[in-house]
Amino acid sequence: MSSNTPKTGAVATPARDQRYQPHTQKITTFLWFDNNAEEAANFYVSVFKNSRILKSVLYGDVGPGPKGAIMIIDFELDGAASRRPDGEGGAAILLGHSA
């Protein structure tokens, strides 16, 4: 190669900014609800900023819970996602038989 040939394969290194820093989770949840998941989730999202209910999964015509009752509720607490079962029926679905 002559000295006039451009070098290839050089990779620009991005500046170290927030995108490359490790994310520290502010809240770690270990919550279990006993047939009051909706009430509890509404309470928690009212306490923490940047929190919201994402989705509720309800029992249908069949299942261990009554039709229309919450089986699983998904919510965020200060931006950290959480999925929680409501009562023992939700646990069976979420954890399976191995738990």
Protein backbone atom coordinates (compact mmCIF):
# COMPACT_ATOMS: atom_id res chain seq x y z
CA MET A 1 0.00 0.00 0.00
CA SER A 2 1.23 3.43 -0.78
CA SER A 3 1.28 6.19 1.79
CA ASN A 4 -1.53 7.94 -0.15
CA THR A 5 -4.00 5.07 0.41
CA PRO A 6 -6.52 5.93 3.12
CA LYS A 7 -6.51 3.66 6.15
CA THR A 8 -9.70 1.71 6.71
CA GLY A 9 -11.13 -0.11 9.67
CA ALA A 10 -10.80 2.76 12.11
CA VAL A 11 -13.74 2.95 14.47
CA ALA A 12 -14.76 6.12 16.22
CA THR A 13 -15.24 5.68 19.95
CA PRO A 14 -18.36 7.39 21.24
CA ALA A 15 -18.00 9.79 24.13
CA ARG A 16 -18.76 8.25 27.49
CA ASP A 17 -22.11 9.69 28.37
CA GLN A 18 -25.26 8.52 30.08
CA ARG A 19 -26.10 6.02 27.31
CA TYR A 20 -23.04 3.96 28.19
CA GLN A 21 -23.25 4.17 31.97
CA PRO A 22 -24.68 1.28 33.98
CA HIS A 23 -28.29 1.80 35.04
CA THR A 24 -28.96 1.65 38.75
CA GLN A 25 -32.48 0.52 39.52
CA LYS A 26 -33.97 2.70 42.24
CA ILE A 27 -36.75 0.35 43.32
CA THR A 28 -36.66 -3.43 43.60
CA THR A 29 -40.06 -4.97 44.24
CA PHE A 30 -40.90 -8.22 45.92
CA LEU A 31 -44.65 -7.93 46.25
CA TRP A 32 -47.29 -10.59 46.69
CA PHE A 33 -50.96 -9.70 46.64
CA ASP A 34 -53.76 -11.67 48.23
CA ASN A 35 -56.76 -10.74 46.09
CA ASN A 36 -56.08 -6.99 46.36
CA ALA A 37 -53.54 -6.41 43.57
CA GLU A 38 -55.46 -3.61 41.88
CA GLU A 39 -55.90 -1.68 45.12
CA ALA A 40 -52.24 -2.16 46.08
CA ALA A 41 -50.90 -1.26 42.62
CA ASN A 42 -53.02 1.91 42.57
CA PHE A 43 -51.60 2.83 45.97
CA TYR A 44 -47.98 2.25 44.90
CA VAL A 45 -48.31 4.24 41.67
CA SER A 46 -49.78 7.14 43.67
CA VAL A 47 -46.75 7.15 45.99
CA PHE A 48 -43.85 6.96 43.50
CA LYS A 49 -43.17 9.47 40.71
CA ASN A 50 -42.90 8.17 37.15
CA SER A 51 -45.24 5.26 37.95
CA ARG A 52 -48.28 3.85 36.19
CA ILE A 53 -50.49 0.81 35.71
CA LEU A 54 -49.57 -0.86 32.42
CA LYS A 55 -52.04 -3.71 32.06
CA SER A 56 -54.38 -5.98 34.01
CA VAL A 57 -55.05 -9.56 32.96
CA LEU A 58 -58.46 -10.76 34.14
CA TYR A 59 -59.85 -14.23 34.68
CA GLY A 60 -62.27 -15.45 32.03
CA ASP A 61 -64.97 -18.09 32.24
CA VAL A 62 -62.52 -20.73 33.46
CA GLY A 63 -59.70 -20.52 35.95
CA PRO A 64 -59.10 -20.60 39.66
CA GLY A 65 -60.38 -17.03 40.12
CA PRO A 66 -63.83 -15.56 39.58
CA LYS A 67 -64.61 -14.18 36.11
CA GLY A 68 -63.47 -10.54 35.84
CA ALA A 69 -61.12 -10.69 38.85
CA ILE A 70 -57.50 -9.65 38.34
CA MET A 71 -55.13 -12.54 37.67
CA ILE A 72 -51.95 -10.53 36.95
CA ILE A 73 -51.24 -6.81 37.04
CA ASP A 74 -48.34 -5.07 35.26
CA PHE A 75 -47.16 -1.69 36.52
CA GLU A 76 -44.12 0.58 36.71
CA LEU A 77 -42.70 2.08 39.90
CA ASP A 78 -40.35 4.96 39.15
CA GLY A 79 -39.86 3.53 35.66
CA ALA A 80 -39.06 -0.03 36.84
CA ALA A 81 -41.50 -2.57 35.35
CA SER A 82 -43.14 -5.12 37.62
CA ARG A 83 -45.52 -8.03 36.95
CA ARG A 84 -47.39 -9.39 39.96
CA PRO A 85 -49.95 -12.15 40.45
CA ASP A 86 -53.05 -11.62 42.57
CA GLY A 87 -53.71 -14.49 44.95
CA GLU A 88 -52.71 -18.09 44.55
CA GLY A 89 -54.30 -18.58 41.11
CA GLY A 90 -52.04 -15.94 39.59
CA ALA A 91 -49.04 -17.58 41.18
CA ALA A 92 -49.81 -20.88 39.50
CA ILE A 93 -49.91 -19.18 36.12
CA LEU A 94 -46.90 -16.93 36.69
CA LEU A 95 -44.62 -19.44 38.44
CA GLY A 96 -45.80 -22.74 36.99
CA HIS A 97 -45.64 -26.08 38.74
CA SER A 98 -41.90 -25.89 39.39
CA ALA A 99 -42.26 -23.27 42.14
